[in-house]
Amino acid sequence: MQYVSSDYANAKVLTGSGIGLAVTKYLHEKGWRLCLVDLSEERGQIAAKEVNGIFTKADVTRYDDQAIAFQKTWETYGQLDFGK
């Protein structure tokens, strides 16, 4: 599947502070609007500020926490995109 760009920036939810943070920085450079999700409020807020994104403290193994992160992304950006 090929990714097709549009006239607006994409919005994505990313988790973690290791590989997830590296992907976050890469997507930020490509113009994505990001919602970062982590258990650590401190690390998450710092990373979100670094990429001008939003942060949600959540345990991604819990469905309800995932739903909150997706809802916050939708409310903030009006979209939620999935891509490679």
Foldseek 3Di string as FASTA:
>chain_A
DDDDDDPAAAEEEFEDDDVSLVVLVVSLVVPHAYEYEYQDPVSQVVSCVVSVHHYAYADVVDPVRVVVSVVVRCVVPVDYDDDD
